[in-house]
Amino acid sequence: MNNPIKDLDQSITEPEHSLALPVGAPRVMPGQSLPPLLCQKIASPDQVQHGLFSNIYKSIDVAKQNNLPGQHVKIVAVGHTHKAAMVLCKPEDDKRSLVLMDVGAWIEKCKYPLAESGDVVTEPSAQLGVIHGNDARIYQIRIPAAG
C-alpha cells in the first residue's frame, strides 16, 4: 500500500488471495540456465545488453583503483527500469564476477515463459527481488483473477 512512513503500521494487512505456490513460474533446475529473457550469463561486461551493467562494472573498477569501499561489491540491485532480469558476469580469466539484479517495476506489463508449456505470458508487473546468502531471486507475484 502506498502510505506515508508515519502510517506504515496500517500498511501491513492480511493477503486478499491465496499465497500458495502458483503454477506458471519458470522452472528452476539445479545446473540448468534460466531462459535468456530472465537471466544472462556473460564472460565479459561488454557482452551484456542491459543498459546499466557496463557502467556499474566500470564504477566498481574505479572504486578499486581508488581504494574505496565499493571495490568489493559482488551484487548490485536496481529497479525502476521496467524490465526485470538478472545478469551474471563471470569472466573466464578469474577476474571479478558481478551479479546485476534488476527488479523491474510495479507498473506496466511484464513477459515471462511458463514452466509447463514455455508459452510466454503477459501480465501486470509485480516483481520482488530477494537476496539470501549466495542465492538471488526475482519473484513475479501473480495474483489469480477473481472468479
Protein backbone atom coordinates (compact mmCIF):
# COMPACT_ATOMS: atom_id res chain seq x y z
CA MET A 1 0.00 0.00 0.00
CA ASN A 2 1.30 3.43 -0.82
CA ASN A 3 1.19 5.20 2.56
CA PRO A 4 3.46 7.77 4.17
CA ILE A 5 6.10 6.41 6.57
CA LYS A 6 4.17 7.65 9.60
CA ASP A 7 1.29 5.31 8.61
CA LEU A 8 3.33 2.14 7.96
CA ASP A 9 1.71 0.33 10.90
CA GLN A 10 -1.51 0.40 8.86
CA SER A 11 0.19 -0.86 5.68
CA ILE A 12 0.70 -4.46 6.75
CA THR A 13 -2.52 -6.32 6.05
CA GLU A 14 -3.74 -9.88 5.59
CA PRO A 15 -3.46 -11.11 1.99
CA GLU A 16 -6.65 -10.94 -0.01
CA HIS A 17 -5.77 -14.05 -2.01
CA SER A 18 -4.05 -17.39 -1.55
CA LEU A 19 -0.27 -17.22 -1.34
CA ALA A 20 0.08 -20.88 -2.34
CA LEU A 21 2.74 -21.60 -4.95
CA PRO A 22 1.21 -20.60 -8.29
CA VAL A 23 1.66 -22.60 -11.43
CA GLY A 24 3.31 -20.89 -14.34
CA ALA A 25 6.60 -19.64 -12.93
CA PRO A 26 9.75 -20.56 -14.85
CA ARG A 27 11.04 -23.87 -13.55
CA VAL A 28 14.41 -23.55 -11.79
CA MET A 29 16.52 -26.72 -12.02
CA PRO A 30 19.99 -27.20 -10.50
CA GLY A 31 22.70 -26.97 -13.12
CA GLN A 32 20.38 -25.57 -15.81
CA SER A 33 20.30 -21.99 -17.03
CA LEU A 34 17.24 -19.79 -16.80
CA PRO A 35 15.76 -18.54 -20.08
CA PRO A 36 17.85 -15.69 -21.58
CA LEU A 37 14.78 -13.45 -21.27
CA LEU A 38 15.24 -13.65 -17.49
CA CYS A 39 18.93 -14.24 -16.88
CA GLN A 40 22.02 -13.65 -18.98
CA LYS A 41 25.33 -15.33 -18.20
CA ILE A 42 28.24 -13.48 -19.79
CA ALA A 43 32.02 -13.74 -19.74
CA SER A 44 32.75 -10.04 -20.23
CA PRO A 45 30.97 -6.87 -19.06
CA ASP A 46 30.96 -5.69 -22.67
CA GLN A 47 28.78 -8.61 -23.83
CA VAL A 48 25.66 -7.61 -21.95
CA GLN A 49 22.61 -5.94 -23.46
CA HIS A 50 21.46 -4.40 -20.16
CA GLY A 51 21.90 -0.62 -20.36
CA LEU A 52 23.29 -0.16 -16.83
CA PHE A 53 25.61 -3.14 -16.44
CA SER A 54 28.79 -1.86 -18.14
CA ASN A 55 28.75 1.44 -16.24
CA ILE A 56 28.17 -0.32 -12.91
CA TYR A 57 31.03 -2.75 -13.60
CA LYS A 58 33.36 0.13 -14.56
CA SER A 59 32.35 2.10 -11.42
CA ILE A 60 33.44 -0.80 -9.24
CA ASP A 61 36.77 -0.90 -11.11
CA VAL A 62 37.21 2.83 -10.38
CA ALA A 63 36.44 2.17 -6.70
CA LYS A 64 39.18 -0.49 -6.67
CA GLN A 65 41.70 1.83 -8.33
CA ASN A 66 40.97 4.48 -5.69
CA ASN A 67 40.81 2.00 -2.78
CA LEU A 68 37.19 2.89 -1.99
CA PRO A 69 34.77 0.65 -0.04
CA GLY A 70 32.71 -0.20 -3.16
CA GLN A 71 35.57 -2.17 -4.69
CA HIS A 72 34.33 -5.45 -3.14
CA VAL A 73 30.74 -5.28 -4.42
CA LYS A 74 29.60 -8.64 -5.83
CA ILE A 75 25.90 -7.97 -6.41
CA VAL A 76 24.01 -4.82 -7.38
CA ALA A 77 20.23 -4.47 -7.16
CA VAL A 78 18.45 -1.84 -9.24
CA GLY A 79 14.84 -1.06 -10.07
CA HIS A 80 12.55 1.31 -11.93
CA THR A 81 13.92 0.08 -15.26
CA HIS A 82 10.63 -1.61 -16.20
CA LYS A 83 12.38 -4.82 -17.31
CA ALA A 84 13.15 -7.33 -14.59
CA ALA A 85 16.20 -9.50 -15.32
CA MET A 86 19.41 -10.81 -13.82
CA VAL A 87 22.87 -10.68 -15.35
CA LEU A 88 25.75 -12.86 -14.14
CA CYS A 89 29.15 -11.75 -15.37
CA LYS A 90 31.67 -14.50 -14.70
CA PRO A 91 34.87 -13.79 -16.63
CA GLU A 92 36.85 -16.84 -17.75
CA ASP A 93 40.15 -15.25 -16.69
CA ASP A 94 39.13 -15.25 -12.98
CA LYS A 95 38.59 -11.51 -12.94
CA ARG A 96 35.91 -10.08 -10.70
CA SER A 97 32.41 -11.58 -11.00
CA LEU A 98 29.30 -9.44 -10.65
CA VAL A 99 25.57 -10.10 -10.48
CA LEU A 100 23.10 -7.40 -11.50
CA MET A 101 19.59 -7.94 -10.14
CA ASP A 102 17.15 -5.66 -11.93
CA VAL A 103 13.82 -5.94 -10.13
CA GLY A 104 11.96 -4.04 -12.83
CA ALA A 105 8.96 -2.02 -11.73
CA TRP A 106 5.45 -2.24 -10.34
CA ILE A 107 3.73 -0.60 -13.29
CA GLU A 108 3.15 -1.60 -16.89
CA LYS A 109 3.30 -5.25 -18.02
CA CYS A 110 5.94 -7.96 -17.96
CA LYS A 111 6.51 -11.11 -20.03
CA TYR A 112 7.88 -14.46 -18.89
CA PRO A 113 7.73 -18.11 -20.04
CA LEU A 114 5.52 -20.62 -18.26
CA ALA A 115 7.34 -23.65 -16.88
CA GLU A 116 4.73 -26.13 -18.09
CA SER A 117 4.48 -25.10 -21.74
CA GLY A 118 7.16 -22.49 -22.43
CA ASP A 119 4.40 -20.14 -23.61
CA VAL A 120 5.21 -16.51 -22.90
CA VAL A 121 2.54 -14.75 -20.81
CA THR A 122 1.99 -11.05 -20.29
CA GLU A 123 0.59 -9.74 -17.02
CA PRO A 124 0.85 -6.71 -14.71
CA SER A 125 4.38 -6.21 -13.36
CA ALA A 126 4.82 -7.11 -9.69
CA GLN A 127 8.47 -8.09 -9.15
CA LEU A 128 10.20 -8.57 -5.84
CA GLY A 129 13.95 -9.20 -5.51
CA VAL A 130 15.30 -11.37 -2.70
CA ILE A 131 18.94 -11.96 -1.79
CA HIS A 132 19.75 -14.50 0.92
CA GLY A 133 23.31 -15.67 1.35
CA ASN A 134 24.52 -16.86 -2.06
CA ASP A 135 21.01 -17.05 -3.55
CA ALA A 136 19.47 -14.21 -5.57
CA ARG A 137 15.96 -14.47 -7.00
CA ILE A 138 13.36 -12.27 -8.63
CA TYR A 139 9.78 -13.22 -7.96
CA GLN A 140 6.85 -12.16 -10.10
CA ILE A 141 3.87 -12.01 -7.76
CA ARG A 142 0.95 -13.49 -9.61
CA ILE A 143 -2.49 -12.62 -8.30
CA PRO A 144 -5.12 -15.00 -9.67
CA ALA A 145 -8.03 -13.43 -11.49
CA ALA A 146 -11.19 -13.11 -9.43
CA GLY A 147 -13.80 -15.68 -10.20
